[in-house]
Amino acid sequence: MRLIDADALITKLKNKYDLDKVGATVGFIALEIIIDIIDAPTVDPMLHAKWIPKYMGDCECSNCHEEYGICGGLLGDYKYCPNCGAKMKEEE
């Protein structure tokens, strides 16, 4: 996944293609549609999860439910799930 700054992209599009000078052409209409799509509501891109201990030393991501071995060892050091990218919460 690649996160972008939507506001910066809209500004760049508006600056590159001066909408006041272009007029009501097919390109202008398409550009307005693209800007409307980009200007959609945003969400928190950071998923949060925790490792759930399973049987035989395995553990499971609470977000994607993918299971991995060696819960207390190597995966215990992982700060993100290798499958979904969720940030693992620290144990309280």
PDB file of N, CA and C in Angstrom:
ATOM      1  N   MET A   1       0.846  -1.165   0.000  1.00  0.00           N
ATOM      2  CA  MET A   1       0.000   0.000   0.000  1.00  0.00           C
ATOM      3  C   MET A   1       0.895   1.233   0.000  1.00  0.00           C
ATOM      4  N   ARG A   2       0.487   2.243  -0.760  1.00  0.00           N
ATOM      5  CA  ARG A   2       1.240   3.484  -0.833  1.00  0.00           C
ATOM      6  C   ARG A   2       0.309   4.641  -0.511  1.00  0.00           C
ATOM      7  N   LEU A   3       0.575   5.329   0.579  1.00  0.00           N
ATOM      8  CA  LEU A   3      -0.255   6.445   0.984  1.00  0.00           C
ATOM      9  C   LEU A   3       0.227   7.721   0.307  1.00  0.00           C
ATOM     10  N   ILE A   4      -0.721   8.549  -0.122  1.00  0.00           N
ATOM     11  CA  ILE A   4      -0.375   9.824  -0.747  1.00  0.00           C
ATOM     12  C   ILE A   4      -1.092  10.951  -0.014  1.00  0.00           C
ATOM     13  N   ASP A   5      -0.614  12.156  -0.216  1.00  0.00           N
ATOM     14  CA  ASP A   5      -1.260  13.340   0.336  1.00  0.00           C
ATOM     15  C   ASP A   5      -2.270  13.821  -0.715  1.00  0.00           C
ATOM     16  N   ALA A   6      -3.554  13.538  -0.505  1.00  0.00           N
ATOM     17  CA  ALA A   6      -4.586  13.867  -1.485  1.00  0.00           C
ATOM     18  C   ALA A   6      -4.679  15.370  -1.729  1.00  0.00           C
ATOM     19  N   ASP A   7      -4.534  16.178  -0.683  1.00  0.00           N
ATOM     20  CA  ASP A   7      -4.617  17.631  -0.845  1.00  0.00           C
ATOM     21  C   ASP A   7      -3.496  18.147  -1.737  1.00  0.00           C
ATOM     22  N   ALA A   8      -2.297  17.610  -1.540  1.00  0.00           N
ATOM     23  CA  ALA A   8      -1.161  18.018  -2.374  1.00  0.00           C
ATOM     24  C   ALA A   8      -1.376  17.591  -3.826  1.00  0.00           C
ATOM     25  N   LEU A   9      -1.947  16.415  -4.039  1.00  0.00           N
ATOM     26  CA  LEU A   9      -2.216  15.940  -5.400  1.00  0.00           C
ATOM     27  C   LEU A   9      -3.245  16.829  -6.088  1.00  0.00           C
ATOM     28  N   ILE A  10      -4.303  17.200  -5.375  1.00  0.00           N
ATOM     29  CA  ILE A  10      -5.320  18.083  -5.952  1.00  0.00           C
ATOM     30  C   ILE A  10      -4.704  19.427  -6.318  1.00  0.00           C
ATOM     31  N   THR A  11      -3.888  19.982  -5.432  1.00  0.00           N
ATOM     32  CA  THR A  11      -3.219  21.256  -5.708  1.00  0.00           C
ATOM     33  C   THR A  11      -2.323  21.139  -6.927  1.00  0.00           C
ATOM     34  N   LYS A  12      -1.582  20.041  -7.012  1.00  0.00           N
ATOM     35  CA  LYS A  12      -0.680  19.831  -8.155  1.00  0.00           C
ATOM     36  C   LYS A  12      -1.471  19.750  -9.461  1.00  0.00           C
ATOM     37  N   LEU A  13      -2.595  19.024  -9.442  1.00  0.00           N
ATOM     38  CA  LEU A  13      -3.421  18.925 -10.651  1.00  0.00           C
ATOM     39  C   LEU A  13      -3.982  20.287 -11.052  1.00  0.00           C
ATOM     40  N   LYS A  14      -4.471  21.035 -10.062  1.00  0.00           N
ATOM     41  CA  LYS A  14      -5.042  22.345 -10.369  1.00  0.00           C
ATOM     42  C   LYS A  14      -3.981  23.304 -10.893  1.00  0.00           C
ATOM     43  N   ASN A  15      -2.761  23.225 -10.340  1.00  0.00           N
ATOM     44  CA  ASN A  15      -1.682  24.112 -10.799  1.00  0.00           C
ATOM     45  C   ASN A  15      -1.179  23.717 -12.187  1.00  0.00           C
ATOM     46  N   LYS A  16      -1.076  22.424 -12.434  1.00  0.00           N
ATOM     47  CA  LYS A  16      -0.548  21.956 -13.726  1.00  0.00           C
ATOM     48  C   LYS A  16      -1.534  22.236 -14.852  1.00  0.00           C
ATOM     49  N   TYR A  17      -2.808  22.006 -14.583  1.00  0.00           N
ATOM     50  CA  TYR A  17      -3.848  22.214 -15.585  1.00  0.00           C
ATOM     51  C   TYR A  17      -4.732  23.352 -15.108  1.00  0.00           C
ATOM     52  N   ASP A  18      -4.402  24.570 -15.487  1.00  0.00           N
ATOM     53  CA  ASP A  18      -5.132  25.748 -15.039  1.00  0.00           C
ATOM     54  C   ASP A  18      -6.582  25.635 -15.499  1.00  0.00           C
ATOM     55  N   LEU A  19      -7.460  25.281 -14.568  1.00  0.00           N
ATOM     56  CA  LEU A  19      -8.853  24.992 -14.911  1.00  0.00           C
ATOM     57  C   LEU A  19      -9.590  26.213 -15.443  1.00  0.00           C
ATOM     58  N   ASP A  20      -9.166  27.411 -15.057  1.00  0.00           N
ATOM     59  CA  ASP A  20      -9.827  28.619 -15.550  1.00  0.00           C
ATOM     60  C   ASP A  20      -9.538  28.852 -17.030  1.00  0.00           C
ATOM     61  N   LYS A  21      -8.364  28.405 -17.512  1.00  0.00           N
ATOM     62  CA  LYS A  21      -7.976  28.619 -18.904  1.00  0.00           C
ATOM     63  C   LYS A  21      -8.390  27.470 -19.815  1.00  0.00           C
ATOM     64  N   VAL A  22      -8.630  26.298 -19.262  1.00  0.00           N
ATOM     65  CA  VAL A  22      -8.917  25.117 -20.077  1.00  0.00           C
ATOM     66  C   VAL A  22     -10.291  25.204 -20.720  1.00  0.00           C
ATOM     67  N   GLY A  23     -11.283  25.688 -19.991  1.00  0.00           N
ATOM     68  CA  GLY A  23     -12.635  25.755 -20.531  1.00  0.00           C
ATOM     69  C   GLY A  23     -13.353  24.428 -20.382  1.00  0.00           C
ATOM     70  N   ALA A  24     -14.585  24.392 -20.842  1.00  0.00           N
ATOM     71  CA  ALA A  24     -15.427  23.198 -20.669  1.00  0.00           C
ATOM     72  C   ALA A  24     -15.161  22.178 -21.770  1.00  0.00           C
ATOM     73  N   THR A  25     -13.994  21.590 -21.763  1.00  0.00           N
ATOM     74  CA  THR A  25     -13.650  20.546 -22.729  1.00  0.00           C
ATOM     75  C   THR A  25     -13.814  19.192 -22.064  1.00  0.00           C
ATOM     76  N   VAL A  26     -13.680  18.151 -22.849  1.00  0.00           N
ATOM     77  CA  VAL A  26     -13.755  16.802 -22.295  1.00  0.00           C
ATOM     78  C   VAL A  26     -12.663  16.605 -21.251  1.00  0.00           C
ATOM     79  N   GLY A  27     -11.458  17.117 -21.512  1.00  0.00           N
ATOM     80  CA  GLY A  27     -10.356  17.012 -20.555  1.00  0.00           C
ATOM     81  C   GLY A  27     -10.659  17.735 -19.258  1.00  0.00           C
ATOM     82  N   PHE A  28     -11.271  18.900 -19.366  1.00  0.00           N
ATOM     83  CA  PHE A  28     -11.642  19.671 -18.180  1.00  0.00           C
ATOM     84  C   PHE A  28     -12.649  18.901 -17.341  1.00  0.00           C
ATOM     85  N   ILE A  29     -13.659  18.342 -17.986  1.00  0.00           N
ATOM     86  CA  ILE A  29     -14.694  17.590 -17.277  1.00  0.00           C
ATOM     87  C   ILE A  29     -14.079  16.359 -16.609  1.00  0.00           C
ATOM     88  N   ALA A  30     -13.203  15.659 -17.330  1.00  0.00           N
ATOM     89  CA  ALA A  30     -12.532  14.483 -16.754  1.00  0.00           C
ATOM     90  C   ALA A  30     -11.684  14.877 -15.554  1.00  0.00           C
ATOM     91  N   LEU A  31     -10.976  15.987 -15.646  1.00  0.00           N
ATOM     92  CA  LEU A  31     -10.134  16.453 -14.541  1.00  0.00           C
ATOM     93  C   LEU A  31     -10.984  16.816 -13.321  1.00  0.00           C
ATOM     94  N   GLU A  32     -12.119  17.453 -13.540  1.00  0.00           N
ATOM     95  CA  GLU A  32     -13.017  17.771 -12.430  1.00  0.00           C
ATOM     96  C   GLU A  32     -13.527  16.491 -11.759  1.00  0.00           C
ATOM     97  N   ILE A  33     -13.834  15.471 -12.545  1.00  0.00           N
ATOM     98  CA  ILE A  33     -14.283  14.192 -11.986  1.00  0.00           C
ATOM     99  C   ILE A  33     -13.164  13.551 -11.169  1.00  0.00           C
ATOM    100  N   ILE A  34     -11.946  13.576 -11.691  1.00  0.00           N
ATOM    101  CA  ILE A  34     -10.800  13.001 -10.978  1.00  0.00           C
ATOM    102  C   ILE A  34     -10.588  13.717  -9.647  1.00  0.00           C
ATOM    103  N   ILE A  35     -10.641  15.036  -9.648  1.00  0.00           N
ATOM    104  CA  ILE A  35     -10.448  15.810  -8.410  1.00  0.00           C
ATOM    105  C   ILE A  35     -11.554  15.490  -7.410  1.00  0.00           C
ATOM    106  N   ASP A  36     -12.797  15.340  -7.885  1.00  0.00           N
ATOM    107  CA  ASP A  36     -13.893  14.973  -6.984  1.00  0.00           C
ATOM    108  C   ASP A  36     -13.662  13.603  -6.357  1.00  0.00           C
ATOM    109  N   ILE A  37     -13.144  12.656  -7.136  1.00  0.00           N
ATOM    110  CA  ILE A  37     -12.869  11.314  -6.608  1.00  0.00           C
ATOM    111  C   ILE A  37     -11.742  11.370  -5.575  1.00  0.00           C
ATOM    112  N   ILE A  38     -10.697  12.108  -5.874  1.00  0.00           N
ATOM    113  CA  ILE A  38      -9.561  12.215  -4.952  1.00  0.00           C
ATOM    114  C   ILE A  38      -9.986  12.896  -3.660  1.00  0.00           C
ATOM    115  N   ASP A  39     -10.909  13.825  -3.741  1.00  0.00           N
ATOM    116  CA  ASP A  39     -11.342  14.592  -2.579  1.00  0.00           C
ATOM    117  C   ASP A  39     -12.397  13.829  -1.767  1.00  0.00           C
ATOM    118  N   ALA A  40     -12.204  12.516  -1.649  1.00  0.00           N
ATOM    119  CA  ALA A  40     -13.118  11.653  -0.905  1.00  0.00           C
ATOM    120  C   ALA A  40     -12.786  11.689   0.581  1.00  0.00           C
ATOM    121  N   PRO A  41     -13.709  11.248   1.432  1.00  0.00           N
ATOM    122  CA  PRO A  41     -13.419  11.196   2.874  1.00  0.00           C
ATOM    123  C   PRO A  41     -12.223  10.297   3.163  1.00  0.00           C
ATOM    124  N   THR A  42     -11.504  10.624   4.199  1.00  0.00           N
ATOM    125  CA  THR A  42     -10.326   9.844   4.558  1.00  0.00           C
ATOM    126  C   THR A  42     -10.602   8.986   5.789  1.00  0.00           C
ATOM    127  N   VAL A  43      -9.775   7.969   5.964  1.00  0.00           N
ATOM    128  CA  VAL A  43      -9.869   7.087   7.127  1.00  0.00           C
ATOM    129  C   VAL A  43      -8.489   6.979   7.758  1.00  0.00           C
ATOM    130  N   ASP A  44      -8.440   6.490   8.973  1.00  0.00           N
ATOM    131  CA  ASP A  44      -7.158   6.247   9.628  1.00  0.00           C
ATOM    132  C   ASP A  44      -6.505   5.055   8.941  1.00  0.00           C
ATOM    133  N   PRO A  45      -5.387   5.269   8.235  1.00  0.00           N
ATOM    134  CA  PRO A  45      -4.771   4.176   7.494  1.00  0.00           C
ATOM    135  C   PRO A  45      -4.047   3.160   8.383  1.00  0.00           C
ATOM    136  N   MET A  46      -3.832   3.492   9.645  1.00  0.00           N
ATOM    137  CA  MET A  46      -3.074   2.601  10.507  1.00  0.00           C
ATOM    138  C   MET A  46      -4.000   1.614  11.204  1.00  0.00           C
ATOM    139  N   LEU A  47      -3.838   0.350  10.869  1.00  0.00           N
ATOM    140  CA  LEU A  47      -4.578  -0.711  11.540  1.00  0.00           C
ATOM    141  C   LEU A  47      -3.839  -1.077  12.822  1.00  0.00           C
ATOM    142  N   HIS A  48      -4.570  -1.436  13.844  1.00  0.00           N
ATOM    143  CA  HIS A  48      -3.969  -1.866  15.101  1.00  0.00           C
ATOM    144  C   HIS A  48      -4.468  -3.267  15.424  1.00  0.00           C
ATOM    145  N   ALA A  49      -3.603  -4.086  15.967  1.00  0.00           N
ATOM    146  CA  ALA A  49      -3.952  -5.464  16.318  1.00  0.00           C
ATOM    147  C   ALA A  49      -3.053  -5.920  17.454  1.00  0.00           C
ATOM    148  N   LYS A  50      -3.207  -7.173  17.842  1.00  0.00           N
ATOM    149  CA  LYS A  50      -2.316  -7.757  18.839  1.00  0.00           C
ATOM    150  C   LYS A  50      -2.113  -9.221  18.495  1.00  0.00           C
ATOM    151  N   TRP A  51      -1.029  -9.784  18.985  1.00  0.00           N
ATOM    152  CA  TRP A  51      -0.772 -11.205  18.792  1.00  0.00           C
ATOM    153  C   TRP A  51      -1.613 -11.996  19.779  1.00  0.00           C
ATOM    154  N   ILE A  52      -2.339 -12.978  19.281  1.00  0.00           N
ATOM    155  CA  ILE A  52      -3.143 -13.862  20.119  1.00  0.00           C
ATOM    156  C   ILE A  52      -2.420 -15.200  20.208  1.00  0.00           C
ATOM    157  N   PRO A  53      -1.967 -15.598  21.392  1.00  0.00           N
ATOM    158  CA  PRO A  53      -1.282 -16.890  21.526  1.00  0.00           C
ATOM    159  C   PRO A  53      -2.221 -18.039  21.141  1.00  0.00           C
ATOM    160  N   LYS A  54      -1.685 -18.995  20.383  1.00  0.00           N
ATOM    161  CA  LYS A  54      -2.443 -20.168  19.954  1.00  0.00           C
ATOM    162  C   LYS A  54      -1.747 -21.419  20.486  1.00  0.00           C
ATOM    163  N   TYR A  55      -2.124 -22.552  19.975  1.00  0.00           N
ATOM    164  CA  TYR A  55      -1.555 -23.826  20.385  1.00  0.00           C
ATOM    165  C   TYR A  55      -0.144 -24.018  19.827  1.00  0.00           C
ATOM    166  N   MET A  56       0.646 -24.804  20.508  1.00  0.00           N
ATOM    167  CA  MET A  56       1.989 -25.213  20.053  1.00  0.00           C
ATOM    168  C   MET A  56       2.917 -24.028  19.774  1.00  0.00           C
ATOM    169  N   GLY A  57       2.746 -22.919  20.490  1.00  0.00           N
ATOM    170  CA  GLY A  57       3.637 -21.780  20.324  1.00  0.00           C
ATOM    171  C   GLY A  57       3.310 -20.873  19.154  1.00  0.00           C
ATOM    172  N   ASP A  58       2.245 -21.173  18.415  1.00  0.00           N
ATOM    173  CA  ASP A  58       1.844 -20.305  17.305  1.00  0.00           C
ATOM    174  C   ASP A  58       1.132 -19.071  17.855  1.00  0.00           C
ATOM    175  N   CYS A  59       0.963 -18.076  17.019  1.00  0.00           N
ATOM    176  CA  CYS A  59       0.160 -16.925  17.383  1.00  0.00           C
ATOM    177  C   CYS A  59      -0.602 -16.445  16.156  1.00  0.00           C
ATOM    178  N   GLU A  60      -1.648 -15.665  16.421  1.00  0.00           N
ATOM    179  CA  GLU A  60      -2.560 -15.216  15.373  1.00  0.00           C
ATOM    180  C   GLU A  60      -2.708 -13.709  15.454  1.00  0.00           C
ATOM    181  N   CYS A  61      -2.749 -13.054  14.303  1.00  0.00           N
ATOM    182  CA  CYS A  61      -2.997 -11.616  14.249  1.00  0.00           C
ATOM    183  C   CYS A  61      -4.486 -11.389  14.512  1.00  0.00           C
ATOM    184  N   SER A  62      -4.810 -10.499  15.447  1.00  0.00           N
ATOM    185  CA  SER A  62      -6.211 -10.247  15.774  1.00  0.00           C
ATOM    186  C   SER A  62      -6.945  -9.510  14.655  1.00  0.00           C
ATOM    187  N   ASN A  63      -6.223  -8.943  13.683  1.00  0.00           N
ATOM    188  CA  ASN A  63      -6.864  -8.229  12.582  1.00  0.00           C
ATOM    189  C   ASN A  63      -7.183  -9.154  11.406  1.00  0.00           C
ATOM    190  N   CYS A  64      -6.182  -9.860  10.882  1.00  0.00           N
ATOM    191  CA  CYS A  64      -6.377 -10.679   9.677  1.00  0.00           C
ATOM    192  C   CYS A  64      -6.519 -12.163   9.988  1.00  0.00           C
ATOM    193  N   HIS A  65      -6.239 -12.551  11.237  1.00  0.00           N
ATOM    194  CA  HIS A  65      -6.357 -13.934  11.716  1.00  0.00           C
ATOM    195  C   HIS A  65      -5.393 -14.897  11.030  1.00  0.00           C
ATOM    196  N   GLU A  66      -4.323 -14.369  10.469  1.00  0.00           N
ATOM    197  CA  GLU A  66      -3.272 -15.217   9.905  1.00  0.00           C
ATOM    198  C   GLU A  66      -2.443 -15.770  11.065  1.00  0.00           C
ATOM    199  N   GLU A  67      -2.123 -17.049  11.000  1.00  0.00           N
ATOM    200  CA  GLU A  67      -1.361 -17.678  12.084  1.00  0.00           C
ATOM    201  C   GLU A  67       0.109 -17.814  11.686  1.00  0.00           C
ATOM    202  N   TYR A  68       0.963 -17.600  12.669  1.00  0.00           N
ATOM    203  CA  TYR A  68       2.403 -17.716  12.487  1.00  0.00           C
ATOM    204  C   TYR A  68       2.972 -18.516  13.645  1.00  0.00           C
ATOM    205  N   GLY A  69       4.113 -19.128  13.436  1.00  0.00           N
ATOM    206  CA  GLY A  69       4.767 -19.902  14.486  1.00  0.00           C
ATOM    207  C   GLY A  69       5.649 -19.038  15.369  1.00  0.00           C
ATOM    208  N   ILE A  70       6.096 -19.616  16.451  1.00  0.00           N
ATOM    209  CA  ILE A  70       7.048 -18.992  17.370  1.00  0.00           C
ATOM    210  C   ILE A  70       6.532 -17.660  17.899  1.00  0.00           C
ATOM    211  N   CYS A  71       5.408 -17.709  18.579  1.00  0.00           N
ATOM    212  CA  CYS A  71       4.758 -16.488  19.055  1.00  0.00           C
ATOM    213  C   CYS A  71       5.636 -15.683  20.017  1.00  0.00           C
ATOM    214  N   GLY A  72       6.262 -16.325  20.955  1.00  0.00           N
ATOM    215  CA  GLY A  72       7.032 -15.585  21.946  1.00  0.00           C
ATOM    216  C   GLY A  72       8.404 -15.179  21.461  1.00  0.00           C
ATOM    217  N   GLY A  73       8.882 -15.794  20.395  1.00  0.00           N
ATOM    218  CA  GLY A  73      10.241 -15.519  19.935  1.00  0.00           C
ATOM    219  C   GLY A  73      10.283 -14.457  18.862  1.00  0.00           C
ATOM    220  N   LEU A  74      10.526 -14.888  17.646  1.00  0.00           N
ATOM    221  CA  LEU A  74      10.721 -13.974  16.525  1.00  0.00           C
ATOM    222  C   LEU A  74       9.521 -13.059  16.315  1.00  0.00           C
ATOM    223  N   LEU A  75       8.309 -13.612  16.285  1.00  0.00           N
ATOM    224  CA  LEU A  75       7.134 -12.781  16.033  1.00  0.00           C
ATOM    225  C   LEU A  75       6.846 -11.840  17.187  1.00  0.00           C
ATOM    226  N   GLY A  76       7.229 -12.206  18.374  1.00  0.00           N
ATOM    227  CA  GLY A  76       7.036 -11.311  19.500  1.00  0.00           C
ATOM    228  C   GLY A  76       7.787 -10.011  19.303  1.00  0.00           C
ATOM    229  N   ASP A  77       8.837 -10.039  18.474  1.00  0.00           N
ATOM    230  CA  ASP A  77       9.612  -8.843  18.175  1.00  0.00           C
ATOM    231  C   ASP A  77       9.020  -8.042  17.016  1.00  0.00           C
ATOM    232  N   TYR A  78       8.121  -8.654  16.239  1.00  0.00           N
ATOM    233  CA  TYR A  78       7.505  -7.950  15.113  1.00  0.00           C
ATOM    234  C   TYR A  78       6.575  -6.865  15.636  1.00  0.00           C
ATOM    235  N   LYS A  79       6.745  -5.673  15.133  1.00  0.00           N
ATOM    236  CA  LYS A  79       5.880  -4.572  15.530  1.00  0.00           C
ATOM    237  C   LYS A  79       4.691  -4.437  14.582  1.00  0.00           C
ATOM    238  N   TYR A  80       4.737  -5.151  13.435  1.00  0.00           N
ATOM    239  CA  TYR A  80       3.672  -5.147  12.442  1.00  0.00           C
ATOM    240  C   TYR A  80       3.416  -6.568  11.969  1.00  0.00           C
ATOM    241  N   CYS A  81       2.174  -6.872  11.607  1.00  0.00           N
ATOM    242  CA  CYS A  81       1.835  -8.192  11.061  1.00  0.00           C
ATOM    243  C   CYS A  81       2.419  -8.293   9.651  1.00  0.00           C
ATOM    244  N   PRO A  82       3.139  -9.384   9.337  1.00  0.00           N
ATOM    245  CA  PRO A  82       3.701  -9.538   7.995  1.00  0.00           C
ATOM    246  C   PRO A  82       2.627  -9.696   6.917  1.00  0.00           C
ATOM    247  N   ASN A  83       1.409 -10.084   7.293  1.00  0.00           N
ATOM    248  CA  ASN A  83       0.359 -10.322   6.305  1.00  0.00           C
ATOM    249  C   ASN A  83      -0.453  -9.063   6.000  1.00  0.00           C
ATOM    250  N   CYS A  84      -0.993  -8.398   7.025  1.00  0.00           N
ATOM    251  CA  CYS A  84      -1.889  -7.253   6.787  1.00  0.00           C
ATOM    252  C   CYS A  84      -1.264  -5.908   7.114  1.00  0.00           C
ATOM    253  N   GLY A  85      -0.127  -5.889   7.780  1.00  0.00           N
ATOM    254  CA  GLY A  85       0.543  -4.634   8.103  1.00  0.00           C
ATOM    255  C   GLY A  85       0.028  -3.947   9.346  1.00  0.00           C
ATOM    256  N   ALA A  86      -0.875  -4.583  10.098  1.00  0.00           N
ATOM    257  CA  ALA A  86      -1.408  -3.960  11.317  1.00  0.00           C
ATOM    258  C   ALA A  86      -0.288  -3.744  12.335  1.00  0.00           C
ATOM    259  N   LYS A  87      -0.322  -2.602  13.001  1.00  0.00           N
ATOM    260  CA  LYS A  87       0.650  -2.320  14.047  1.00  0.00           C
ATOM    261  C   LYS A  87       0.228  -3.056  15.310  1.00  0.00           C
ATOM    262  N   MET A  88       1.172  -3.802  15.877  1.00  0.00           N
ATOM    263  CA  MET A  88       0.865  -4.587  17.060  1.00  0.00           C
ATOM    264  C   MET A  88       0.943  -3.716  18.306  1.00  0.00           C
ATOM    265  N   LYS A  89      -0.110  -3.767  19.109  1.00  0.00           N
ATOM    266  CA  LYS A  89      -0.163  -3.003  20.353  1.00  0.00           C
ATOM    267  C   LYS A  89       0.761  -3.651  21.378  1.00  0.00           C
ATOM    268  N   GLU A  90       1.334  -2.804  22.189  1.00  0.00           N
ATOM    269  CA  GLU A  90       2.162  -3.309  23.283  1.00  0.00           C
ATOM    270  C   GLU A  90       1.248  -3.908  24.343  1.00  0.00           C
ATOM    271  N   GLU A  91       1.702  -4.959  24.984  1.00  0.00           N
ATOM    272  CA  GLU A  91       0.923  -5.557  26.065  1.00  0.00           C
ATOM    273  C   GLU A  91       0.912  -4.590  27.245  1.00  0.00           C
ATOM    274  N   GLU A  92      -0.251  -4.475  27.910  1.00  0.00           N
ATOM    275  CA  GLU A  92      -0.363  -3.563  29.054  1.00  0.00           C
ATOM    276  C   GLU A  92      -0.063  -4.299  30.333  1.00  0.00           C
TER     277      GLU A  92
END
